[in-house]
Amino acid sequence: MSTEETKKHLYPEVNYGSTQPPPYNQPVINQPQLQNNPLMVTSFEGHREWTTGLCDCLADPATCLLTCMCHPCSVCYLGSRMGEHFCMPMCVPASNITLRNKIRTVGGIRGTMCTDCVTASFCGPCSTCQDHRELTNMGIK
């Protein structure tokens, strides 16, 4: 196979229905503009703080008791309140961090993934109780 035949085989000519070159050969004169899309998140910065403190566990004694007696059960319940499968926290590593990040993002709470990770890792039961209280205050049953 000659070089020309190889080129035709690898790069077949495309007929665009006109003799004009394809539009991608023309220079870009104006940069594309960002369009307003109401479905697109434009900022990940929260607009508020948590409604309760990390150590306000006794504000909801039932959740505090459940979390102290069986933390994994409390995290599973938290996941189900957020619309996830009840067993998801047992199947996904670091699910308490993921759930906390989801609550913070959906609720518009200030913070970072790093603070979620540190809080859920070193203050796990307290952060789970805070997550439950936040969902209650957000009106999520």
Protein backbone atom coordinates (compact mmCIF):
# COMPACT_ATOMS: atom_id res chain seq x y z
CA MET A 1 0.00 0.00 0.00
CA SER A 2 1.41 3.37 -0.99
CA THR A 3 1.57 6.41 1.26
CA GLU A 4 -1.33 8.10 -0.53
CA GLU A 5 -3.52 5.00 -0.22
CA THR A 6 -2.67 4.74 3.48
CA LYS A 7 -3.63 8.40 4.04
CA LYS A 8 -6.94 7.91 2.20
CA HIS A 9 -7.61 4.80 4.23
CA LEU A 10 -6.77 6.41 7.59
CA TYR A 11 -8.18 9.87 6.82
CA PRO A 12 -11.14 9.51 4.48
CA GLU A 13 -12.50 12.68 2.93
CA VAL A 14 -15.72 13.88 4.44
CA ASN A 15 -18.30 15.49 2.17
CA TYR A 16 -20.06 18.26 4.07
CA GLY A 17 -22.38 19.02 1.16
CA SER A 18 -20.58 22.21 0.13
CA THR A 19 -17.31 23.35 -1.30
CA GLN A 20 -16.64 25.50 1.75
CA PRO A 21 -14.04 24.21 4.21
CA PRO A 22 -15.47 22.78 7.42
CA PRO A 23 -16.11 25.33 10.17
CA TYR A 24 -13.28 24.05 12.36
CA ASN A 25 -10.74 25.44 9.89
CA GLN A 26 -11.87 29.01 10.57
CA PRO A 27 -10.14 31.03 13.27
CA VAL A 28 -11.94 31.78 16.53
CA ILE A 29 -12.73 35.48 16.61
CA ASN A 30 -14.76 35.67 19.84
CA GLN A 31 -14.39 33.51 22.92
CA PRO A 32 -17.51 31.58 23.92
CA GLN A 33 -19.44 33.27 26.71
CA LEU A 34 -20.67 31.61 29.87
CA GLN A 35 -24.42 31.13 29.61
CA ASN A 36 -26.69 31.39 32.62
CA ASN A 37 -28.06 27.97 33.38
CA PRO A 38 -30.45 27.78 36.34
CA LEU A 39 -29.63 24.10 36.80
CA MET A 40 -25.89 24.66 37.04
CA VAL A 41 -24.27 25.36 40.39
CA THR A 42 -22.20 28.52 40.00
CA SER A 43 -20.61 28.52 43.42
CA PHE A 44 -19.81 25.87 45.99
CA GLU A 45 -19.48 28.42 48.78
CA GLY A 46 -22.11 28.02 51.43
CA HIS A 47 -24.17 30.95 52.62
CA ARG A 48 -24.68 29.89 56.24
CA GLU A 49 -23.23 28.03 59.20
CA TRP A 50 -24.46 24.82 60.86
CA THR A 51 -27.65 25.46 62.85
CA THR A 52 -26.31 23.60 65.90
CA GLY A 53 -22.85 23.11 67.31
CA LEU A 54 -20.79 19.95 67.01
CA CYS A 55 -21.06 19.22 70.74
CA ASP A 56 -24.80 19.96 71.09
CA CYS A 57 -25.55 16.22 71.06
CA LEU A 58 -27.94 16.38 74.01
CA ALA A 59 -30.23 18.75 72.09
CA ASP A 60 -31.68 15.56 70.55
CA PRO A 61 -31.42 12.86 73.24
CA ALA A 62 -32.97 10.05 71.13
CA THR A 63 -30.45 10.47 68.31
CA CYS A 64 -27.64 10.86 70.83
CA LEU A 65 -28.61 7.59 72.50
CA LEU A 66 -28.93 5.75 69.18
CA THR A 67 -25.54 7.06 68.04
CA CYS A 68 -23.82 6.17 71.32
CA MET A 69 -25.29 2.65 71.42
CA CYS A 70 -24.80 1.81 67.73
CA HIS A 71 -22.97 4.38 65.61
CA PRO A 72 -23.19 2.28 62.39
CA CYS A 73 -26.99 2.03 62.83
CA SER A 74 -27.19 5.80 63.22
CA VAL A 75 -25.14 6.35 60.05
CA CYS A 76 -27.40 3.90 58.16
CA TYR A 77 -30.45 5.81 59.38
CA LEU A 78 -28.79 9.08 58.32
CA GLY A 79 -28.23 7.65 54.84
CA SER A 80 -31.85 6.57 54.52
CA ARG A 81 -33.01 10.04 55.59
CA MET A 82 -30.94 11.46 52.75
CA GLY A 83 -32.56 9.24 50.15
CA GLU A 84 -29.77 6.68 49.95
CA HIS A 85 -30.22 2.95 50.40
CA PHE A 86 -30.29 2.00 54.07
CA CYS A 87 -27.22 -0.28 53.68
CA MET A 88 -25.17 2.21 51.66
CA PRO A 89 -23.08 3.35 54.65
CA MET A 90 -22.00 -0.24 55.29
CA CYS A 91 -20.94 -0.73 51.66
CA VAL A 92 -19.19 2.56 50.92
CA PRO A 93 -15.91 3.37 52.66
CA ALA A 94 -15.95 6.66 54.59
CA SER A 95 -19.67 7.05 53.98
CA ASN A 96 -20.10 9.28 57.03
CA ILE A 97 -17.73 11.80 55.38
CA THR A 98 -19.64 11.55 52.10
CA LEU A 99 -23.01 12.02 53.80
CA ARG A 100 -21.73 14.99 55.80
CA ASN A 101 -20.42 16.59 52.60
CA LYS A 102 -23.78 16.02 50.90
CA ILE A 103 -25.66 17.63 53.79
CA ARG A 104 -23.31 20.60 53.77
CA THR A 105 -23.58 21.07 50.00
CA VAL A 106 -27.36 20.66 49.79
CA GLY A 107 -27.91 22.84 52.83
CA GLY A 108 -25.61 25.62 51.64
CA ILE A 109 -23.41 25.32 54.72
CA ARG A 110 -19.93 26.84 54.67
CA GLY A 111 -17.02 24.44 54.88
CA THR A 112 -14.67 22.24 52.91
CA MET A 113 -14.22 18.56 52.21
CA CYS A 114 -11.16 18.70 54.47
CA THR A 115 -13.19 19.95 57.46
CA ASP A 116 -15.83 17.28 56.76
CA CYS A 117 -13.12 14.62 56.73
CA VAL A 118 -11.46 15.79 59.95
CA THR A 119 -14.77 16.27 61.79
CA ALA A 120 -16.23 12.91 60.75
CA SER A 121 -12.95 11.07 61.41
CA PHE A 122 -12.04 12.49 64.81
CA CYS A 123 -15.50 13.38 66.15
CA GLY A 124 -17.55 10.70 64.39
CA PRO A 125 -20.47 10.25 66.81
CA CYS A 126 -20.77 14.00 67.46
CA SER A 127 -20.69 14.79 63.72
CA THR A 128 -23.34 12.13 63.05
CA CYS A 129 -25.59 13.66 65.71
CA GLN A 130 -25.00 17.11 64.22
CA ASP A 131 -25.89 15.76 60.76
CA HIS A 132 -29.18 14.34 62.10
CA ARG A 133 -30.03 17.65 63.80
CA GLU A 134 -29.22 19.57 60.62
CA LEU A 135 -31.52 17.38 58.53
CA THR A 136 -34.28 17.88 61.11
CA ASN A 137 -33.76 21.65 61.04
CA MET A 138 -33.80 21.56 57.22
CA GLY A 139 -37.18 19.83 57.37
CA ILE A 140 -35.99 16.43 56.14
CA LYS A 141 -37.69 13.64 58.06
